[in-house]
Amino acid sequence: MRDVTKDNITDVFMGYLGEDVNPRLREVMGSLVRHLHGFARDVNLTHEEWNTGIAFLERAGEISDKERHEFVLLSDVLGLSSLVDMLHNLPEGTSSSVLGPFHITGSPPLRVGGDMRKGFDAPVLLVEGIVKNPDGAPIPGATLDIWQTAPNGLYSSQDPDQETYSFHGLQTVGADGRYAFTTVRPVEYTVPSDGPVGDILRACGRHPWRPSHLHFIAEAEGYKTLVTEVFPEDDPYLDQDTVFGVREDLVMRYVQMPAGTFPEKGFDLSGKVPDAYLKVAFDLTLVLA
């Protein structure tokens, strides 16, 4: 078409799509382009601003690798990741939350009662709960991919001093649906701010902090996969998570347990924890696929 204008370019774009284009692709691309063109018109986007945006995307690509996913981080801090989660949350199940840019696959097996704390010098945290369906019945054989930060606030993929799968584990629950492991209390931390996403946060007057949390990916045959994270009720960043990941039902409580009360059996650390420790009880509810 020769008479493309600022007023008809969106319609012209849609007219260029082939007749056999997948209907869902047509819907998604059409909406994306309508909003993108509308955004440019609304702000009267300049050439300089357009060039700045392109340079930002190029930098995000350059800094990304198999361990750092800057575009995922961008989606997180813009609230897009959380919005997609919330659009597909089902009220009868545990809320989903952001995967984050630091998940790695291939976590080693972690038996029920296993330990992720290993040699780190920090108080013991005992975490346990039931993986269940919306009726409250346990889901035998469900698997949990579990990961968190070390006490220094870094994930293993960020920290060359940690082993690859430090504070990562893959646990399969038994017939009772119970999961359990020991670890340390995660700490609040900042998302990476040394790249283009950090530039956006600073330009917008925003901080890069996340409240501390434990990550879970829960899977079971016949059920919808749950990607979520749980947060302590006393964290200072609970109400200002920079990636908008907190949900009311994902807030849990650390209970201070007195010395001498650690379970005598069933855990790798049984008989090895004479001091006081922390405990979390949090159930995960999966919904049918």
C-alpha atoms as a PDB file:
ATOM      1  CA  MET A   1       0.000   0.000   0.000  1.00  0.00           C
ATOM      2  CA  ARG A   2       1.324   3.427  -0.972  1.00  0.00           C
ATOM      3  CA  ASP A   3      -0.878   5.672   1.151  1.00  0.00           C
ATOM      4  CA  VAL A   4       0.153   4.476   4.594  1.00  0.00           C
ATOM      5  CA  THR A   5      -0.478   7.146   7.217  1.00  0.00           C
ATOM      6  CA  LYS A   6      -0.104   7.476  10.969  1.00  0.00           C
ATOM      7  CA  ASP A   7      -3.843   6.920  11.240  1.00  0.00           C
ATOM      8  CA  ASN A   8      -4.196   3.789   9.102  1.00  0.00           C
ATOM      9  CA  ILE A   9      -0.858   1.990   9.625  1.00  0.00           C
ATOM     10  CA  THR A  10      -2.357  -0.360  12.231  1.00  0.00           C
ATOM     11  CA  ASP A  11      -5.105  -1.464   9.853  1.00  0.00           C
ATOM     12  CA  VAL A  12      -2.560  -1.815   7.053  1.00  0.00           C
ATOM     13  CA  PHE A  13      -0.467  -4.100   9.264  1.00  0.00           C
ATOM     14  CA  MET A  14      -3.469  -6.315   9.929  1.00  0.00           C
ATOM     15  CA  GLY A  15      -4.201  -6.403   6.205  1.00  0.00           C
ATOM     16  CA  TYR A  16      -0.721  -7.743   5.515  1.00  0.00           C
ATOM     17  CA  LEU A  17      -1.370 -10.885   7.580  1.00  0.00           C
ATOM     18  CA  GLY A  18      -1.984 -13.970   5.481  1.00  0.00           C
ATOM     19  CA  GLU A  19      -5.394 -15.610   5.363  1.00  0.00           C
ATOM     20  CA  ASP A  20      -4.055 -18.884   6.792  1.00  0.00           C
ATOM     21  CA  VAL A  21      -2.387 -17.299   9.833  1.00  0.00           C
ATOM     22  CA  ASN A  22      -3.128 -19.140  13.083  1.00  0.00           C
ATOM     23  CA  PRO A  23      -6.197 -17.409  14.631  1.00  0.00           C
ATOM     24  CA  ARG A  24      -4.583 -17.077  18.054  1.00  0.00           C
ATOM     25  CA  LEU A  25      -1.438 -15.586  16.504  1.00  0.00           C
ATOM     26  CA  ARG A  26      -3.628 -13.124  14.590  1.00  0.00           C
ATOM     27  CA  GLU A  27      -5.366 -12.138  17.832  1.00  0.00           C
ATOM     28  CA  VAL A  28      -2.161 -11.725  19.837  1.00  0.00           C
ATOM     29  CA  MET A  29      -0.157  -9.924  17.141  1.00  0.00           C
ATOM     30  CA  GLY A  30      -3.093  -7.694  16.270  1.00  0.00           C
ATOM     31  CA  SER A  31      -3.565  -6.610  19.869  1.00  0.00           C
ATOM     32  CA  LEU A  32       0.179  -6.149  20.376  1.00  0.00           C
ATOM     33  CA  VAL A  33       0.527  -3.907  17.336  1.00  0.00           C
ATOM     34  CA  ARG A  34      -2.612  -1.900  18.138  1.00  0.00           C
ATOM     35  CA  HIS A  35      -1.299  -1.179  21.645  1.00  0.00           C
ATOM     36  CA  LEU A  36       2.239  -0.522  20.393  1.00  0.00           C
ATOM     37  CA  HIS A  37       1.078   1.926  17.752  1.00  0.00           C
ATOM     38  CA  GLY A  38      -1.340   3.491  20.233  1.00  0.00           C
ATOM     39  CA  PHE A  39       1.484   3.969  22.721  1.00  0.00           C
ATOM     40  CA  ALA A  40       3.634   5.744  20.124  1.00  0.00           C
ATOM     41  CA  ARG A  41       0.756   8.056  19.212  1.00  0.00           C
ATOM     42  CA  ASP A  42      -0.200   8.758  22.835  1.00  0.00           C
ATOM     43  CA  VAL A  43       3.285   9.937  23.825  1.00  0.00           C
ATOM     44  CA  ASN A  44       4.230  11.320  20.402  1.00  0.00           C
ATOM     45  CA  LEU A  45       7.338   9.121  20.491  1.00  0.00           C
ATOM     46  CA  THR A  46      10.437  10.873  19.149  1.00  0.00           C
ATOM     47  CA  HIS A  47      13.233   9.398  17.052  1.00  0.00           C
ATOM     48  CA  GLU A  48      15.639   9.861  19.970  1.00  0.00           C
ATOM     49  CA  GLU A  49      13.332   8.004  22.337  1.00  0.00           C
ATOM     50  CA  TRP A  50      12.794   5.234  19.800  1.00  0.00           C
ATOM     51  CA  ASN A  51      16.566   4.855  19.408  1.00  0.00           C
ATOM     52  CA  THR A  52      16.949   4.737  23.204  1.00  0.00           C
ATOM     53  CA  GLY A  53      14.392   1.941  23.371  1.00  0.00           C
ATOM     54  CA  ILE A  54      16.128  -0.065  20.641  1.00  0.00           C
ATOM     55  CA  ALA A  55      19.497   0.396  22.380  1.00  0.00           C
ATOM     56  CA  PHE A  56      17.913  -0.807  25.635  1.00  0.00           C
ATOM     57  CA  LEU A  57      16.674  -4.011  23.976  1.00  0.00           C
ATOM     58  CA  GLU A  58      20.084  -4.591  22.382  1.00  0.00           C
ATOM     59  CA  ARG A  59      21.802  -4.205  25.758  1.00  0.00           C
ATOM     60  CA  ALA A  60      19.326  -6.595  27.382  1.00  0.00           C
ATOM     61  CA  GLY A  61      20.181  -9.178  24.745  1.00  0.00           C
ATOM     62  CA  GLU A  62      23.922  -8.668  25.108  1.00  0.00           C
ATOM     63  CA  ILE A  63      23.919  -9.111  28.900  1.00  0.00           C
ATOM     64  CA  SER A  64      21.722 -12.220  28.818  1.00  0.00           C
ATOM     65  CA  ASP A  65      23.145 -15.723  28.868  1.00  0.00           C
ATOM     66  CA  LYS A  66      22.091 -19.189  30.062  1.00  0.00           C
ATOM     67  CA  GLU A  67      22.293 -18.036  33.684  1.00  0.00           C
ATOM     68  CA  ARG A  68      21.074 -14.439  33.412  1.00  0.00           C
ATOM     69  CA  HIS A  69      17.787 -13.672  31.695  1.00  0.00           C
ATOM     70  CA  GLU A  70      17.480  -9.896  31.438  1.00  0.00           C
ATOM     71  CA  PHE A  71      14.247 -10.018  29.450  1.00  0.00           C
ATOM     72  CA  VAL A  72      12.625 -12.152  32.162  1.00  0.00           C
ATOM     73  CA  LEU A  73      13.850  -9.619  34.711  1.00  0.00           C
ATOM     74  CA  LEU A  74      12.378  -6.807  32.628  1.00  0.00           C
ATOM     75  CA  SER A  75       9.040  -8.608  32.493  1.00  0.00           C
ATOM     76  CA  ASP A  76       9.229  -9.067  36.264  1.00  0.00           C
ATOM     77  CA  VAL A  77       9.915  -5.433  37.210  1.00  0.00           C
ATOM     78  CA  LEU A  78       7.238  -4.175  34.800  1.00  0.00           C
ATOM     79  CA  GLY A  79       4.679  -6.406  36.502  1.00  0.00           C
ATOM     80  CA  LEU A  80       3.997  -8.398  33.332  1.00  0.00           C
ATOM     81  CA  SER A  81       5.157 -11.722  34.785  1.00  0.00           C
ATOM     82  CA  SER A  82       2.896 -11.335  37.798  1.00  0.00           C
ATOM     83  CA  LEU A  83      -0.038 -10.174  35.680  1.00  0.00           C
ATOM     84  CA  VAL A  84       0.193 -13.278  33.494  1.00  0.00           C
ATOM     85  CA  ASP A  85       0.304 -15.392  36.667  1.00  0.00           C
ATOM     86  CA  MET A  86      -2.768 -13.697  38.106  1.00  0.00           C
ATOM     87  CA  LEU A  87      -4.714 -13.967  34.849  1.00  0.00           C
ATOM     88  CA  HIS A  88      -4.436 -17.753  35.102  1.00  0.00           C
ATOM     89  CA  ASN A  89      -4.622 -18.296  38.859  1.00  0.00           C
ATOM     90  CA  LEU A  90      -7.493 -20.531  39.921  1.00  0.00           C
ATOM     91  CA  PRO A  91      -9.080 -19.560  43.263  1.00  0.00           C
ATOM     92  CA  GLU A  92      -9.254 -23.118  44.568  1.00  0.00           C
ATOM     93  CA  GLY A  93      -5.478 -23.619  44.339  1.00  0.00           C
ATOM     94  CA  THR A  94      -2.362 -22.023  45.794  1.00  0.00           C
ATOM     95  CA  SER A  95      -1.555 -18.802  43.966  1.00  0.00           C
ATOM     96  CA  SER A  96       1.241 -18.872  41.435  1.00  0.00           C
ATOM     97  CA  SER A  97       4.043 -16.339  41.537  1.00  0.00           C
ATOM     98  CA  VAL A  98       7.008 -15.359  39.414  1.00  0.00           C
ATOM     99  CA  LEU A  99       9.574 -17.937  38.338  1.00  0.00           C
ATOM    100  CA  GLY A 100      12.329 -15.344  38.414  1.00  0.00           C
ATOM    101  CA  PRO A 101      15.449 -15.211  36.247  1.00  0.00           C
ATOM    102  CA  PHE A 102      17.614 -17.591  38.326  1.00  0.00           C
ATOM    103  CA  HIS A 103      15.881 -20.957  38.115  1.00  0.00           C
ATOM    104  CA  ILE A 104      18.127 -23.749  36.835  1.00  0.00           C
ATOM    105  CA  THR A 105      17.052 -27.196  35.712  1.00  0.00           C
ATOM    106  CA  GLY A 106      18.462 -30.543  36.775  1.00  0.00           C
ATOM    107  CA  SER A 107      18.325 -30.132  40.555  1.00  0.00           C
ATOM    108  CA  PRO A 108      19.621 -33.185  42.444  1.00  0.00           C
ATOM    109  CA  PRO A 109      17.216 -35.526  44.272  1.00  0.00           C
ATOM    110  CA  LEU A 110      16.299 -34.419  47.789  1.00  0.00           C
ATOM    111  CA  ARG A 111      14.647 -37.081  49.910  1.00  0.00           C
ATOM    112  CA  VAL A 112      11.746 -36.206  52.207  1.00  0.00           C
ATOM    113  CA  GLY A 113      13.581 -34.941  55.270  1.00  0.00           C
ATOM    114  CA  GLY A 114      16.722 -34.140  53.278  1.00  0.00           C
ATOM    115  CA  ASP A 115      19.022 -31.211  53.946  1.00  0.00           C
ATOM    116  CA  MET A 116      19.926 -28.255  51.714  1.00  0.00           C
ATOM    117  CA  ARG A 117      21.784 -26.302  54.422  1.00  0.00           C
ATOM    118  CA  LYS A 118      24.922 -28.425  54.175  1.00  0.00           C
ATOM    119  CA  GLY A 119      27.967 -26.593  55.502  1.00  0.00           C
ATOM    120  CA  PHE A 120      26.540 -23.067  55.660  1.00  0.00           C
ATOM    121  CA  ASP A 121      26.891 -21.497  59.091  1.00  0.00           C
ATOM    122  CA  ALA A 122      23.339 -20.283  59.705  1.00  0.00           C
ATOM    123  CA  PRO A 123      20.437 -21.353  61.939  1.00  0.00           C
ATOM    124  CA  VAL A 124      18.490 -24.389  60.762  1.00  0.00           C
ATOM    125  CA  LEU A 125      15.110 -23.888  59.108  1.00  0.00           C
ATOM    126  CA  LEU A 126      12.747 -26.876  58.929  1.00  0.00           C
ATOM    127  CA  VAL A 127      10.170 -26.605  56.137  1.00  0.00           C
ATOM    128  CA  GLU A 128       7.291 -29.033  55.730  1.00  0.00           C
ATOM    129  CA  GLY A 129       3.765 -29.283  54.379  1.00  0.00           C
ATOM    130  CA  ILE A 130       1.307 -31.333  52.367  1.00  0.00           C
ATOM    131  CA  VAL A 131       0.838 -31.278  48.602  1.00  0.00           C
ATOM    132  CA  LYS A 132      -2.917 -31.690  48.237  1.00  0.00           C
ATOM    133  CA  ASN A 133      -5.891 -31.217  45.947  1.00  0.00           C
ATOM    134  CA  PRO A 134      -8.638 -28.613  46.502  1.00  0.00           C
ATOM    135  CA  ASP A 135     -10.626 -31.149  48.570  1.00  0.00           C
ATOM    136  CA  GLY A 136      -7.700 -31.488  50.973  1.00  0.00           C
ATOM    137  CA  ALA A 137      -6.655 -34.991  49.900  1.00  0.00           C
ATOM    138  CA  PRO A 138      -2.895 -35.581  49.548  1.00  0.00           C
ATOM    139  CA  ILE A 139      -1.435 -36.045  46.071  1.00  0.00           C
ATOM    140  CA  PRO A 140       0.942 -39.040  46.177  1.00  0.00           C
ATOM    141  CA  GLY A 141       4.012 -38.856  43.968  1.00  0.00           C
ATOM    142  CA  ALA A 142       3.932 -35.095  43.444  1.00  0.00           C
ATOM    143  CA  THR A 143       7.353 -33.575  42.781  1.00  0.00           C
ATOM    144  CA  LEU A 144       8.721 -30.318  44.136  1.00  0.00           C
ATOM    145  CA  ASP A 145      11.573 -28.391  42.547  1.00  0.00           C
ATOM    146  CA  ILE A 146      12.850 -26.253  45.427  1.00  0.00           C
ATOM    147  CA  TRP A 147      15.407 -23.441  45.366  1.00  0.00           C
ATOM    148  CA  GLN A 148      16.409 -20.311  47.256  1.00  0.00           C
ATOM    149  CA  THR A 149      19.200 -17.847  47.928  1.00  0.00           C
ATOM    150  CA  ALA A 150      22.159 -18.583  50.169  1.00  0.00           C
ATOM    151  CA  PRO A 151      22.640 -16.530  53.373  1.00  0.00           C
ATOM    152  CA  ASN A 152      24.632 -13.981  51.353  1.00  0.00           C
ATOM    153  CA  GLY A 153      21.530 -13.170  49.275  1.00  0.00           C
ATOM    154  CA  LEU A 154      22.841 -14.796  46.094  1.00  0.00           C
ATOM    155  CA  TYR A 155      21.537 -17.707  44.066  1.00  0.00           C
ATOM    156  CA  SER A 156      24.106 -20.315  43.105  1.00  0.00           C
ATOM    157  CA  SER A 157      23.975 -19.194  39.463  1.00  0.00           C
ATOM    158  CA  GLN A 158      25.119 -15.723  40.595  1.00  0.00           C
ATOM    159  CA  ASP A 159      27.829 -16.822  42.989  1.00  0.00           C
ATOM    160  CA  PRO A 160      31.062 -18.501  41.796  1.00  0.00           C
ATOM    161  CA  ASP A 161      31.812 -19.559  45.382  1.00  0.00           C
ATOM    162  CA  GLN A 162      28.721 -21.779  45.550  1.00  0.00           C
ATOM    163  CA  GLU A 163      28.301 -25.188  43.974  1.00  0.00           C
ATOM    164  CA  THR A 164      26.040 -25.281  40.911  1.00  0.00           C
ATOM    165  CA  TYR A 165      23.089 -26.772  42.784  1.00  0.00           C
ATOM    166  CA  SER A 166      23.648 -25.150  46.152  1.00  0.00           C
ATOM    167  CA  PHE A 167      20.253 -24.666  47.822  1.00  0.00           C
ATOM    168  CA  HIS A 168      18.452 -26.588  45.074  1.00  0.00           C
ATOM    169  CA  GLY A 169      16.634 -29.891  45.392  1.00  0.00           C
ATOM    170  CA  LEU A 170      14.042 -32.064  43.658  1.00  0.00           C
ATOM    171  CA  GLN A 171      11.754 -33.886  46.073  1.00  0.00           C
ATOM    172  CA  THR A 172       9.098 -36.541  45.416  1.00  0.00           C
ATOM    173  CA  VAL A 173       6.435 -36.857  48.103  1.00  0.00           C
ATOM    174  CA  GLY A 174       5.138 -40.172  49.403  1.00  0.00           C
ATOM    175  CA  ALA A 175       1.614 -41.554  49.721  1.00  0.00           C
ATOM    176  CA  ASP A 176       0.808 -39.020  52.444  1.00  0.00           C
ATOM    177  CA  GLY A 177       1.658 -36.053  50.171  1.00  0.00           C
ATOM    178  CA  ARG A 178       4.106 -34.735  52.758  1.00  0.00           C
ATOM    179  CA  TYR A 179       7.218 -32.818  51.805  1.00  0.00           C
ATOM    180  CA  ALA A 180       9.924 -31.850  54.284  1.00  0.00           C
ATOM    181  CA  PHE A 181      13.477 -30.559  54.205  1.00  0.00           C
ATOM    182  CA  THR A 182      15.935 -28.504  56.191  1.00  0.00           C
ATOM    183  CA  THR A 183      17.696 -25.401  54.974  1.00  0.00           C
ATOM    184  CA  VAL A 184      18.495 -21.873  56.175  1.00  0.00           C
ATOM    185  CA  ARG A 185      16.241 -18.867  56.226  1.00  0.00           C
ATOM    186  CA  PRO A 186      16.525 -17.027  52.892  1.00  0.00           C
ATOM    187  CA  VAL A 187      17.270 -13.310  53.067  1.00  0.00           C
ATOM    188  CA  GLU A 188      15.849 -10.366  51.175  1.00  0.00           C
ATOM    189  CA  TYR A 189      17.984  -9.389  48.199  1.00  0.00           C
ATOM    190  CA  THR A 190      18.225  -7.022  45.259  1.00  0.00           C
ATOM    191  CA  VAL A 191      17.491  -8.059  41.709  1.00  0.00           C
ATOM    192  CA  PRO A 192      20.462  -7.434  39.374  1.00  0.00           C
ATOM    193  CA  SER A 193      20.703  -3.701  38.812  1.00  0.00           C
ATOM    194  CA  ASP A 194      23.984  -3.503  36.918  1.00  0.00           C
ATOM    195  CA  GLY A 195      22.294  -3.806  33.520  1.00  0.00           C
ATOM    196  CA  PRO A 196      19.602  -2.040  31.502  1.00  0.00           C
ATOM    197  CA  VAL A 197      16.792  -3.116  33.861  1.00  0.00           C
ATOM    198  CA  GLY A 198      18.669  -1.458  36.704  1.00  0.00           C
ATOM    199  CA  ASP A 199      18.797   1.732  34.640  1.00  0.00           C
ATOM    200  CA  ILE A 200      15.009   1.648  34.329  1.00  0.00           C
ATOM    201  CA  LEU A 201      14.535   1.149  38.075  1.00  0.00           C
ATOM    202  CA  ARG A 202      16.800   4.093  38.900  1.00  0.00           C
ATOM    203  CA  ALA A 203      15.210   6.339  36.289  1.00  0.00           C
ATOM    204  CA  CYS A 204      11.794   5.583  37.788  1.00  0.00           C
ATOM    205  CA  GLY A 205      12.956   6.184  41.374  1.00  0.00           C
ATOM    206  CA  ARG A 206      12.369   2.533  42.306  1.00  0.00           C
ATOM    207  CA  HIS A 207      14.401   0.251  44.565  1.00  0.00           C
ATOM    208  CA  PRO A 208      15.567  -3.219  43.420  1.00  0.00           C
ATOM    209  CA  TRP A 209      14.664  -5.152  46.602  1.00  0.00           C
ATOM    210  CA  ARG A 210      12.709  -8.393  46.897  1.00  0.00           C
ATOM    211  CA  PRO A 211      11.408  -9.875  50.148  1.00  0.00           C
ATOM    212  CA  SER A 212      12.997 -13.172  51.142  1.00  0.00           C
ATOM    213  CA  HIS A 213      11.249 -16.279  49.838  1.00  0.00           C
ATOM    214  CA  LEU A 214      11.358 -19.974  49.048  1.00  0.00           C
ATOM    215  CA  HIS A 215      10.704 -21.078  45.454  1.00  0.00           C
ATOM    216  CA  PHE A 216       8.606 -24.116  44.481  1.00  0.00           C
ATOM    217  CA  ILE A 217       7.598 -25.743  41.237  1.00  0.00           C
ATOM    218  CA  ALA A 218       5.016 -28.397  42.123  1.00  0.00           C
ATOM    219  CA  GLU A 219       4.002 -31.006  39.553  1.00  0.00           C
ATOM    220  CA  ALA A 220       1.761 -34.068  39.609  1.00  0.00           C
ATOM    221  CA  GLU A 221       0.165 -36.153  36.879  1.00  0.00           C
ATOM    222  CA  GLY A 222      -3.259 -34.794  35.965  1.00  0.00           C
ATOM    223  CA  TYR A 223      -2.702 -31.479  37.758  1.00  0.00           C
ATOM    224  CA  LYS A 224      -1.751 -28.010  36.605  1.00  0.00           C
ATOM    225  CA  THR A 225       1.906 -27.225  37.308  1.00  0.00           C
ATOM    226  CA  LEU A 226       2.281 -24.658  40.088  1.00  0.00           C
ATOM    227  CA  VAL A 227       5.157 -22.163  40.006  1.00  0.00           C
ATOM    228  CA  THR A 228       5.173 -20.174  43.209  1.00  0.00           C
ATOM    229  CA  GLU A 229       7.141 -18.714  46.106  1.00  0.00           C
ATOM    230  CA  VAL A 230       6.319 -18.151  49.781  1.00  0.00           C
ATOM    231  CA  PHE A 231       7.223 -15.130  51.888  1.00  0.00           C
ATOM    232  CA  PRO A 232       7.602 -14.510  55.645  1.00  0.00           C
ATOM    233  CA  GLU A 233       5.091 -12.192  57.264  1.00  0.00           C
ATOM    234  CA  ASP A 234       7.804 -10.125  58.972  1.00  0.00           C
ATOM    235  CA  ASP A 235       9.877  -9.242  55.901  1.00  0.00           C
ATOM    236  CA  PRO A 236      10.454  -5.475  55.493  1.00  0.00           C
ATOM    237  CA  TYR A 237       9.840  -5.648  51.725  1.00  0.00           C
ATOM    238  CA  LEU A 238       6.654  -7.705  51.861  1.00  0.00           C
ATOM    239  CA  ASP A 239       4.537  -4.746  50.747  1.00  0.00           C
ATOM    240  CA  GLN A 240       6.968  -3.372  48.169  1.00  0.00           C
ATOM    241  CA  ASP A 241       8.299  -6.325  46.192  1.00  0.00           C
ATOM    242  CA  THR A 242       9.968  -4.876  43.112  1.00  0.00           C
ATOM    243  CA  VAL A 243       8.643  -7.742  40.927  1.00  0.00           C
ATOM    244  CA  PHE A 244       5.093  -7.741  42.384  1.00  0.00           C
ATOM    245  CA  GLY A 245       5.272 -11.405  43.413  1.00  0.00           C
ATOM    246  CA  VAL A 246       3.573 -11.356  46.819  1.00  0.00           C
ATOM    247  CA  ARG A 247       0.044 -12.770  47.199  1.00  0.00           C
ATOM    248  CA  GLU A 248      -1.974 -12.887  50.416  1.00  0.00           C
ATOM    249  CA  ASP A 249      -2.107 -16.697  50.484  1.00  0.00           C
ATOM    250  CA  LEU A 250       1.666 -16.990  49.943  1.00  0.00           C
ATOM    251  CA  VAL A 251       2.559 -15.279  53.217  1.00  0.00           C
ATOM    252  CA  MET A 252       3.770 -17.694  55.898  1.00  0.00           C
ATOM    253  CA  ARG A 253       5.227 -17.471  59.392  1.00  0.00           C
ATOM    254  CA  TYR A 254       8.558 -18.595  60.782  1.00  0.00           C
ATOM    255  CA  VAL A 255       8.035 -20.217  64.187  1.00  0.00           C
ATOM    256  CA  GLN A 256      10.911 -20.164  66.667  1.00  0.00           C
ATOM    257  CA  MET A 257      11.279 -23.668  68.065  1.00  0.00           C
ATOM    258  CA  PRO A 258      13.074 -24.243  71.392  1.00  0.00           C
ATOM    259  CA  ALA A 259      16.293 -26.175  71.759  1.00  0.00           C
ATOM    260  CA  GLY A 260      15.897 -29.916  72.113  1.00  0.00           C
ATOM    261  CA  THR A 261      12.697 -30.182  70.047  1.00  0.00           C
ATOM    262  CA  PHE A 262      14.109 -31.026  66.621  1.00  0.00           C
ATOM    263  CA  PRO A 263      12.551 -34.301  65.344  1.00  0.00           C
ATOM    264  CA  GLU A 264      14.521 -37.304  66.544  1.00  0.00           C
ATOM    265  CA  LYS A 265      14.100 -39.149  63.259  1.00  0.00           C
ATOM    266  CA  GLY A 266      13.013 -38.616  59.666  1.00  0.00           C
ATOM    267  CA  PHE A 267      15.521 -35.872  58.796  1.00  0.00           C
ATOM    268  CA  ASP A 268      19.127 -35.906  57.676  1.00  0.00           C
ATOM    269  CA  LEU A 269      19.833 -33.584  60.606  1.00  0.00           C
ATOM    270  CA  SER A 270      17.957 -35.637  63.219  1.00  0.00           C
ATOM    271  CA  GLY A 271      20.157 -35.926  66.303  1.00  0.00           C
ATOM    272  CA  LYS A 272      22.387 -33.115  65.042  1.00  0.00           C
ATOM    273  CA  VAL A 273      20.389 -29.980  65.995  1.00  0.00           C
ATOM    274  CA  PRO A 274      20.674 -29.360  69.732  1.00  0.00           C
ATOM    275  CA  ASP A 275      19.973 -25.635  69.447  1.00  0.00           C
ATOM    276  CA  ALA A 276      16.832 -23.637  68.751  1.00  0.00           C
ATOM    277  CA  TYR A 277      15.688 -23.611  65.142  1.00  0.00           C
ATOM    278  CA  LEU A 278      13.018 -22.144  62.866  1.00  0.00           C
ATOM    279  CA  LYS A 279      10.043 -23.988  61.422  1.00  0.00           C
ATOM    280  CA  VAL A 280       7.653 -23.300  58.547  1.00  0.00           C
ATOM    281  CA  ALA A 281       4.496 -25.240  57.785  1.00  0.00           C
ATOM    282  CA  PHE A 282       3.011 -24.457  54.358  1.00  0.00           C
ATOM    283  CA  ASP A 283       0.656 -26.612  52.280  1.00  0.00           C
ATOM    284  CA  LEU A 284       0.543 -26.458  48.487  1.00  0.00           C
ATOM    285  CA  THR A 285      -2.803 -26.986  46.728  1.00  0.00           C
ATOM    286  CA  LEU A 286      -2.767 -28.122  43.105  1.00  0.00           C
ATOM    287  CA  VAL A 287      -5.776 -27.983  40.770  1.00  0.00           C
ATOM    288  CA  LEU A 288      -6.716 -30.416  38.047  1.00  0.00           C
ATOM    289  CA  ALA A 289      -5.274 -29.665  34.633  1.00  0.00           C
END
